[in-house]
Amino acid sequence: MSTPLRTAFRAAFGRDPEVACAAPGRLNLIGEHVDYAGGLCLPLALPQRTVVAAARRDDGRLRLRSLHRDAHPWEGSLEALGPGHPQGWAAYPAGVIWALGHPLGGLDLLVGESVPPGAGLASSAALECAVALAVDTLCWLGLSATSAGRTTLAAACRRAENEVAGVPTGGMDQLASLCCTAGHALLLDCHDQSMRQVPVDLLAAGLTLLVVDTRAPHRNIDGHYAARRRSAEQAAAALGVSSLREASPEQVDSLTDPLLRRRARHVVTEIARVRTVVALLASGRARDIGALLNASHTSLRDDLDVSSPELDCAVDAARAAGALGARMTGGGFGGSALALVERVSTAAVTHVVMTAAARNGHPEPAVHQALPSRGAHLLEPQS
């Protein structure tokens, strides 16, 4: 592990860490707000990652520290962990230990490098998955060695977020962070948790993906997310299906409640868009997915109402500058957008996006390229 991380751990806990693990954030290429409806998603792992260092204890205590100034230290008993406790950022690492069944006798854990929080790039899942990998390694659980075991770790991370942190996510983020491979997106079927690696070689096509972190704060995302999930469940119940994955466009059109009809229409059409994007990538037609990205944003903005002025500004500016397609990504109400652009146009699109944000009085966005990267992994001793 890096010398600064080891030094920081030693300063925090007075000893060396036993293990260091990294887990990436995720960028969902397409398939937004459908994981909780049994839908299809196509995420890829980002180069941005969260790194944790950890060492075992034998006194039943959990001590959490972070190098981020807004993350206050937390310490408590493992026996006290559970739904609703602890709160704040500590809920995510503590929740993973609870969800894995308290396999250790105690833990010191330091969070170093981190996926930018609030950017819609699954920073909480990256933290959970890095912690899960550390616990798996320290306790010799052997789960990270197989795809099925990583799925088990992802389920524990999702349970931590749902039950301890109280955020009703659908599980896509955790599976992406643990199971993605470099150079691929992960086709995830949220109905049965089956996965397939989908090659994504945009460089060969002269393309790149830009991620635009609008740096706009999320606006009550947890409450809005829960409301969208309830709408999907209510629409499925009204149609007499177990989830909207089973509904047809014609069935959705029959819904008499206009709000439920709009919400359900997004889910059903977004699942269809994922299928089309996968087929286009498989046939070497990456340029043609731009129109699907555009349609996804329109649906998220108009039918699901989860966009924001900052996201719309970034998407519109990228398209005006020549992007083949652009859309918001993540839960919405702030966070990030993505844009599919010609590599030769990267600088020009970035300039237009940043200029548009300034002109509209929005925060200055951070723009970077997204390369499909590896999932959660151990750091070599001297990495």
Protein backbone atom coordinates (compact mmCIF):
# COMPACT_ATOMS: atom_id res chain seq x y z
CA MET A 1 0.00 0.00 0.00
CA SER A 2 1.13 3.59 -0.41
CA THR A 3 3.41 5.11 2.21
CA PRO A 4 1.02 8.05 2.89
CA LEU A 5 -1.85 5.65 3.59
CA ARG A 6 0.30 3.55 5.92
CA THR A 7 1.55 6.69 7.66
CA ALA A 8 -1.99 8.03 8.10
CA PHE A 9 -3.17 4.70 9.52
CA ARG A 10 -0.26 4.64 11.94
CA ALA A 11 -1.06 8.20 13.05
CA ALA A 12 -4.72 7.33 13.58
CA PHE A 13 -4.33 3.99 15.35
CA GLY A 14 -0.72 3.68 16.49
CA ARG A 15 0.07 0.60 14.43
CA ASP A 16 0.36 -0.60 10.84
CA PRO A 17 -2.61 -1.79 8.77
CA GLU A 18 -2.85 -5.43 7.79
CA VAL A 19 -4.61 -4.89 4.48
CA ALA A 20 -5.58 -2.15 2.03
CA CYS A 21 -8.37 -2.49 -0.51
CA ALA A 22 -9.75 -0.34 -3.32
CA ALA A 23 -13.23 -0.31 -4.85
CA PRO A 24 -14.32 1.85 -7.78
CA GLY A 25 -17.25 4.14 -8.30
CA ARG A 26 -19.53 3.30 -11.17
CA LEU A 27 -20.88 5.05 -14.22
CA ASN A 28 -24.16 3.66 -15.45
CA LEU A 29 -24.02 3.82 -19.24
CA ILE A 30 -27.78 3.28 -19.42
CA GLY A 31 -30.51 1.62 -17.36
CA GLU A 32 -31.36 4.22 -14.74
CA HIS A 33 -33.96 3.82 -11.98
CA VAL A 34 -34.89 0.30 -13.13
CA ASP A 35 -32.86 -1.86 -10.74
CA TYR A 36 -35.60 -1.76 -8.10
CA ALA A 37 -38.11 -2.87 -10.76
CA GLY A 38 -36.26 -6.00 -11.84
CA GLY A 39 -34.83 -4.25 -14.89
CA LEU A 40 -31.59 -4.27 -16.86
CA CYS A 41 -28.63 -1.98 -16.17
CA LEU A 42 -25.33 -1.45 -17.96
CA PRO A 43 -22.82 0.04 -15.51
CA LEU A 44 -19.05 0.21 -15.81
CA ALA A 45 -16.42 0.72 -13.12
CA LEU A 46 -14.61 4.06 -13.02
CA PRO A 47 -10.94 4.82 -12.41
CA GLN A 48 -12.09 6.88 -9.40
CA ARG A 49 -11.92 4.65 -6.35
CA THR A 50 -12.25 4.51 -2.59
CA VAL A 51 -9.33 3.05 -0.64
CA VAL A 52 -9.50 1.68 2.90
CA ALA A 53 -6.79 0.35 5.19
CA ALA A 54 -7.71 -1.98 8.04
CA ALA A 55 -6.39 -4.09 10.90
CA ARG A 56 -8.12 -6.53 13.23
CA ARG A 57 -8.88 -6.02 16.91
CA ASP A 58 -9.87 -8.57 19.56
CA ASP A 59 -11.90 -6.40 21.97
CA GLY A 60 -15.22 -6.17 20.09
CA ARG A 61 -14.64 -2.52 19.15
CA LEU A 62 -14.94 -0.80 15.79
CA ARG A 63 -12.92 2.37 15.22
CA LEU A 64 -13.52 4.35 12.03
CA ARG A 65 -11.46 7.24 10.73
CA SER A 66 -11.44 9.13 7.44
CA LEU A 67 -9.04 11.54 5.83
CA HIS A 68 -12.00 13.60 4.62
CA ARG A 69 -12.58 16.63 6.80
CA ASP A 70 -16.38 16.31 6.93
CA ALA A 71 -16.27 12.68 8.13
CA HIS A 72 -16.03 12.71 11.91
CA PRO A 73 -14.32 9.80 13.71
CA TRP A 74 -16.62 7.11 15.06
CA GLU A 75 -16.03 4.39 17.62
CA GLY A 76 -18.37 1.84 19.16
CA SER A 77 -19.12 -1.74 20.02
CA LEU A 78 -19.75 -4.31 17.29
CA GLU A 79 -22.71 -5.54 19.33
CA ALA A 80 -24.40 -2.14 18.95
CA LEU A 81 -24.38 -2.21 15.15
CA GLY A 82 -27.72 -2.65 13.41
CA PRO A 83 -30.55 -0.90 11.59
CA GLY A 84 -30.28 2.83 12.17
CA HIS A 85 -27.02 2.64 14.13
CA PRO A 86 -24.60 4.21 13.63
CA GLN A 87 -25.75 7.15 11.55
CA GLY A 88 -23.93 9.35 9.07
CA TRP A 89 -21.01 8.10 7.03
CA ALA A 90 -20.13 5.47 9.64
CA ALA A 91 -23.35 3.59 8.79
CA TYR A 92 -21.86 2.34 5.54
CA PRO A 93 -18.69 0.59 6.76
CA ALA A 94 -20.31 -0.48 10.05
CA GLY A 95 -23.35 -1.78 8.18
CA VAL A 96 -21.18 -4.04 6.04
CA ILE A 97 -19.68 -5.70 9.12
CA TRP A 98 -23.16 -6.16 10.57
CA ALA A 99 -24.53 -7.58 7.29
CA LEU A 100 -21.65 -10.05 7.06
CA GLY A 101 -22.55 -11.42 10.48
CA HIS A 102 -19.83 -9.86 12.63
CA PRO A 103 -17.07 -12.19 11.39
CA LEU A 104 -14.32 -10.27 13.22
CA GLY A 105 -13.50 -9.56 16.84
CA GLY A 106 -13.04 -5.87 16.13
CA LEU A 107 -11.59 -3.57 13.49
CA ASP A 108 -9.62 -0.38 12.98
CA LEU A 109 -10.42 1.13 9.60
CA LEU A 110 -9.21 4.24 7.79
CA VAL A 111 -10.75 5.67 4.63
CA GLY A 112 -8.19 7.37 2.41
CA GLU A 113 -8.72 8.17 -1.25
CA SER A 114 -12.43 8.38 -2.09
CA VAL A 115 -14.87 8.54 -4.98
CA PRO A 116 -16.22 12.12 -4.92
CA PRO A 117 -19.33 12.06 -2.69
CA GLY A 118 -22.54 13.52 -4.05
CA ALA A 119 -21.46 13.18 -7.68
CA GLY A 120 -23.88 10.37 -8.53
CA LEU A 121 -20.97 7.96 -9.05
CA ALA A 122 -21.84 5.53 -6.23
CA SER A 123 -19.41 6.76 -3.59
CA SER A 124 -21.31 4.97 -0.83
CA ALA A 125 -21.18 1.65 -2.69
CA ALA A 126 -17.46 2.07 -3.32
CA LEU A 127 -16.90 2.53 0.42
CA GLU A 128 -19.07 -0.46 1.28
CA CYS A 129 -17.34 -2.71 -1.25
CA ALA A 130 -13.84 -1.71 -0.18
CA VAL A 131 -14.78 -2.53 3.42
CA ALA A 132 -16.39 -5.83 2.39
CA LEU A 133 -13.24 -6.87 0.55
CA ALA A 134 -11.10 -5.93 3.56
CA VAL A 135 -13.27 -7.99 5.92
CA ASP A 136 -13.31 -10.90 3.47
CA THR A 137 -9.52 -10.82 3.32
CA LEU A 138 -8.88 -10.41 7.05
CA CYS A 139 -11.31 -13.19 7.96
CA TRP A 140 -10.33 -15.58 5.15
CA LEU A 141 -13.96 -15.83 4.00
CA GLY A 142 -12.87 -16.57 0.44
CA LEU A 143 -15.84 -14.79 -1.11
CA SER A 144 -13.91 -12.39 -3.31
CA ALA A 145 -12.24 -15.25 -5.18
CA THR A 146 -15.33 -16.19 -7.20
CA SER A 147 -18.08 -14.40 -9.08
CA ALA A 148 -20.71 -16.04 -6.88
CA GLY A 149 -18.82 -14.97 -3.77
CA ARG A 150 -18.57 -11.40 -4.97
CA THR A 151 -22.31 -11.44 -5.56
CA THR A 152 -22.70 -12.48 -1.92
CA LEU A 153 -20.49 -9.60 -0.80
CA ALA A 154 -22.52 -7.20 -2.95
CA ALA A 155 -25.73 -8.44 -1.32
CA ALA A 156 -24.25 -7.73 2.11
CA CYS A 157 -23.26 -4.23 0.99
CA ARG A 158 -26.74 -3.59 -0.34
CA ARG A 159 -28.24 -4.79 2.93
CA ALA A 160 -25.95 -2.43 4.82
CA GLU A 161 -27.15 0.50 2.73
CA ASN A 162 -30.82 -0.50 2.88
CA GLU A 163 -31.11 -1.50 6.53
CA VAL A 164 -28.39 0.32 8.42
CA ALA A 165 -28.00 3.51 6.40
CA GLY A 166 -31.70 3.44 5.48
CA VAL A 167 -31.25 4.15 1.76
CA PRO A 168 -33.49 1.94 -0.47
CA THR A 169 -31.04 1.30 -3.31
CA GLY A 170 -31.55 -1.57 -5.71
CA GLY A 171 -28.11 -3.19 -5.66
CA MET A 172 -26.69 -2.21 -9.04
CA ASP A 173 -23.97 0.00 -7.57
CA GLN A 174 -22.55 -2.67 -5.30
CA LEU A 175 -22.52 -5.35 -7.99
CA ALA A 176 -20.82 -2.98 -10.42
CA SER A 177 -18.13 -1.99 -7.92
CA LEU A 178 -17.34 -5.60 -7.06
CA CYS A 179 -17.90 -7.41 -10.35
CA CYS A 180 -16.97 -5.11 -13.26
CA THR A 181 -13.85 -5.90 -15.30
CA ALA A 182 -11.55 -3.56 -17.20
CA GLY A 183 -12.64 -2.80 -20.76
CA HIS A 184 -16.21 -3.97 -20.15
CA ALA A 185 -19.59 -2.82 -18.98
CA LEU A 186 -21.63 -5.18 -16.84
CA LEU A 187 -25.03 -6.20 -18.17
CA LEU A 188 -26.90 -6.78 -14.95
CA ASP A 189 -30.29 -8.42 -14.82
CA CYS A 190 -31.76 -7.17 -11.57
CA HIS A 191 -34.55 -9.77 -11.69
CA ASP A 192 -32.28 -12.77 -11.10
CA GLN A 193 -28.93 -11.02 -10.45
CA SER A 194 -27.35 -12.67 -13.49
CA MET A 195 -24.47 -10.79 -15.10
CA ARG A 196 -22.64 -10.68 -18.41
CA GLN A 197 -19.51 -8.76 -19.31
CA VAL A 198 -20.06 -6.59 -22.41
CA PRO A 199 -16.91 -5.36 -24.22
CA VAL A 200 -16.80 -1.57 -24.55
CA ASP A 201 -13.97 -0.43 -26.82
CA LEU A 202 -14.81 3.18 -27.52
CA LEU A 203 -11.19 4.10 -28.25
CA ALA A 204 -11.15 1.83 -31.30
CA ALA A 205 -14.18 3.74 -32.60
CA GLY A 206 -12.54 7.10 -31.99
CA LEU A 207 -14.94 7.86 -29.15
CA THR A 208 -14.77 8.59 -25.46
CA LEU A 209 -17.15 8.99 -22.56
CA LEU A 210 -17.01 12.22 -20.64
CA VAL A 211 -18.30 12.43 -17.10
CA VAL A 212 -19.52 15.84 -16.01
CA ASP A 213 -19.72 16.21 -12.25
CA THR A 214 -22.02 19.22 -11.94
CA ARG A 215 -20.98 19.65 -8.29
CA ALA A 216 -24.60 20.47 -7.61
CA PRO A 217 -25.70 19.12 -4.23
CA HIS A 218 -28.24 16.32 -4.24
CA ARG A 219 -31.65 17.62 -3.24
CA ASN A 220 -33.19 15.15 -0.78
CA ILE A 221 -32.17 12.30 -3.07
CA ASP A 222 -32.95 9.56 -0.55
CA GLY A 223 -36.56 10.66 -0.14
CA HIS A 224 -37.03 11.19 -3.87
CA TYR A 225 -35.44 7.83 -4.65
CA ALA A 226 -37.76 6.08 -2.23
CA ALA A 227 -40.76 7.84 -3.78
CA ARG A 228 -39.79 6.69 -7.29
CA ARG A 229 -39.42 3.15 -6.04
CA ARG A 230 -42.85 3.28 -4.42
CA SER A 231 -44.35 4.54 -7.68
CA ALA A 232 -42.87 1.60 -9.57
CA GLU A 233 -44.27 -0.83 -7.02
CA GLN A 234 -47.69 0.84 -7.09
CA ALA A 235 -47.79 0.75 -10.88
CA ALA A 236 -46.86 -2.94 -10.92
CA ALA A 237 -49.59 -3.68 -8.38
CA ALA A 238 -52.15 -1.77 -10.45
CA LEU A 239 -51.19 -3.85 -13.50
CA GLY A 240 -51.22 -7.14 -11.58
CA VAL A 241 -47.55 -7.96 -12.26
CA SER A 242 -44.80 -8.69 -9.76
CA SER A 243 -42.59 -5.93 -11.20
CA LEU A 244 -42.61 -3.53 -14.12
CA ARG A 245 -40.07 -5.80 -15.82
CA GLU A 246 -43.10 -7.91 -16.79
CA ALA A 247 -45.19 -5.01 -18.11
CA SER A 248 -45.65 -4.08 -21.76
CA PRO A 249 -45.92 -0.54 -23.16
CA GLU A 250 -49.58 -1.21 -23.91
CA GLN A 251 -50.24 -2.17 -20.30
CA VAL A 252 -48.51 0.98 -19.08
CA ASP A 253 -50.68 3.10 -21.37
CA SER A 254 -53.75 1.59 -19.70
CA LEU A 255 -52.86 3.00 -16.27
CA THR A 256 -55.47 5.57 -15.30
CA ASP A 257 -53.28 7.48 -12.83
CA PRO A 258 -51.24 9.89 -14.99
CA LEU A 259 -48.35 10.08 -12.54
CA LEU A 260 -48.01 6.31 -12.25
CA ARG A 261 -48.31 6.04 -16.02
CA ARG A 262 -45.37 8.42 -16.53
CA ARG A 263 -43.24 6.70 -13.90
CA ALA A 264 -43.95 3.24 -15.31
CA ARG A 265 -43.37 4.42 -18.89
CA HIS A 266 -39.83 5.42 -17.97
CA VAL A 267 -39.06 2.02 -16.46
CA VAL A 268 -40.44 0.00 -19.36
CA THR A 269 -38.85 2.12 -22.10
CA GLU A 270 -35.51 2.32 -20.26
CA ILE A 271 -35.27 -1.47 -20.06
CA ALA A 272 -35.87 -1.63 -23.81
CA ARG A 273 -33.16 0.97 -24.39
CA VAL A 274 -30.63 -1.12 -22.45
CA ARG A 275 -31.32 -4.10 -24.70
CA THR A 276 -30.83 -1.97 -27.80
CA VAL A 277 -27.56 -0.45 -26.55
CA VAL A 278 -26.14 -3.90 -25.78
CA ALA A 279 -27.06 -5.09 -29.28
CA LEU A 280 -25.46 -2.03 -30.88
CA LEU A 281 -22.24 -2.47 -28.92
CA ALA A 282 -22.10 -6.15 -29.88
CA SER A 283 -22.43 -5.27 -33.56
CA GLY A 284 -19.71 -2.62 -33.45
CA ARG A 285 -22.10 0.31 -33.74
CA ALA A 286 -21.07 2.27 -30.67
CA ARG A 287 -21.75 5.58 -32.41
CA ASP A 288 -25.40 4.69 -32.73
CA ILE A 289 -26.02 4.48 -28.98
CA GLY A 290 -26.05 8.28 -28.74
CA ALA A 291 -29.72 8.53 -29.64
CA LEU A 292 -30.57 6.05 -26.88
CA LEU A 293 -28.62 8.13 -24.34
CA ASN A 294 -30.58 11.20 -25.41
CA ALA A 295 -33.89 9.37 -25.13
CA SER A 296 -32.93 8.12 -21.67
CA HIS A 297 -32.32 11.66 -20.43
CA THR A 298 -35.61 12.89 -21.85
CA SER A 299 -37.42 10.08 -20.07
CA LEU A 300 -35.60 10.68 -16.77
CA ARG A 301 -36.32 14.40 -17.01
CA ASP A 302 -39.93 14.35 -18.18
CA ASP A 303 -41.44 11.04 -17.03
CA LEU A 304 -39.46 10.39 -13.85
CA ASP A 305 -38.73 14.01 -12.86
CA VAL A 306 -35.28 13.23 -11.45
CA SER A 307 -33.10 15.67 -13.39
CA SER A 308 -32.02 19.14 -12.27
CA PRO A 309 -31.21 22.49 -13.91
CA GLU A 310 -27.49 21.78 -13.61
CA LEU A 311 -27.82 18.34 -15.21
CA ASP A 312 -30.05 19.64 -18.01
CA CYS A 313 -27.56 22.44 -18.66
CA ALA A 314 -24.65 20.00 -18.95
CA VAL A 315 -26.57 17.64 -21.22
CA ASP A 316 -27.87 20.40 -23.50
CA ALA A 317 -24.44 22.03 -23.75
CA ALA A 318 -22.71 18.75 -24.59
CA ARG A 319 -25.20 18.02 -27.34
CA ALA A 320 -24.89 21.54 -28.73
CA ALA A 321 -21.12 21.10 -28.86
CA GLY A 322 -21.44 17.95 -30.96
CA ALA A 323 -21.77 15.09 -28.49
CA LEU A 324 -23.36 12.05 -30.09
CA GLY A 325 -25.53 11.63 -27.02
CA ALA A 326 -25.71 12.75 -23.41
CA ARG A 327 -27.76 12.07 -20.32
CA MET A 328 -27.81 12.36 -16.56
CA THR A 329 -26.47 9.34 -14.72
CA GLY A 330 -27.09 8.09 -11.20
CA GLY A 331 -30.05 8.76 -8.94
CA GLY A 332 -30.48 12.35 -10.10
CA PHE A 333 -31.47 15.63 -8.39
CA GLY A 334 -27.84 16.70 -8.85
CA GLY A 335 -24.72 14.68 -9.45
CA SER A 336 -23.24 13.82 -12.84
CA ALA A 337 -24.04 13.59 -16.54
CA LEU A 338 -22.26 11.58 -19.21
CA ALA A 339 -21.62 12.41 -22.84
CA LEU A 340 -20.50 10.22 -25.74
CA VAL A 341 -18.14 12.32 -27.87
CA GLU A 342 -15.62 12.06 -30.66
CA ARG A 343 -12.17 11.91 -29.07
CA VAL A 344 -11.02 14.82 -31.21
CA SER A 345 -13.89 16.91 -29.81
CA THR A 346 -13.18 16.24 -26.13
CA ALA A 347 -11.62 19.62 -25.38
CA ALA A 348 -14.26 21.54 -27.32
CA VAL A 349 -17.17 19.78 -25.61
CA THR A 350 -15.57 20.30 -22.21
CA HIS A 351 -15.14 24.02 -22.88
CA VAL A 352 -18.75 24.47 -23.96
CA VAL A 353 -20.09 22.56 -20.95
CA MET A 354 -18.06 24.63 -18.50
CA THR A 355 -18.94 27.88 -20.24
CA ALA A 356 -22.66 27.03 -20.14
CA ALA A 357 -22.49 26.29 -16.41
CA ALA A 358 -20.86 29.66 -15.72
CA ARG A 359 -23.33 31.51 -17.93
CA ASN A 360 -26.27 29.97 -16.06
CA GLY A 361 -24.84 30.62 -12.60
CA HIS A 362 -24.18 26.96 -11.81
CA PRO A 363 -21.15 25.60 -9.94
CA GLU A 364 -18.06 24.99 -12.04
CA PRO A 365 -18.29 21.36 -13.14
CA ALA A 366 -15.46 18.84 -13.11
CA VAL A 367 -15.10 17.02 -16.43
CA HIS A 368 -13.05 13.88 -16.93
CA GLN A 369 -12.89 10.88 -19.23
CA ALA A 370 -14.32 7.54 -18.15
CA LEU A 371 -12.46 4.36 -18.98
CA PRO A 372 -14.08 1.02 -18.08
CA SER A 373 -11.94 -0.14 -15.15
CA ARG A 374 -11.47 -3.10 -12.83
CA GLY A 375 -13.70 -3.89 -9.88
CA ALA A 376 -12.78 -4.02 -6.19
CA HIS A 377 -9.29 -5.40 -5.54
CA LEU A 378 -6.55 -5.75 -2.97
CA LEU A 379 -3.72 -3.26 -3.15
CA GLU A 380 -0.24 -4.69 -3.43
CA PRO A 381 1.95 -4.01 -0.39
CA GLN A 382 3.88 -1.24 -2.15
CA SER A 383 1.25 0.04 -4.62
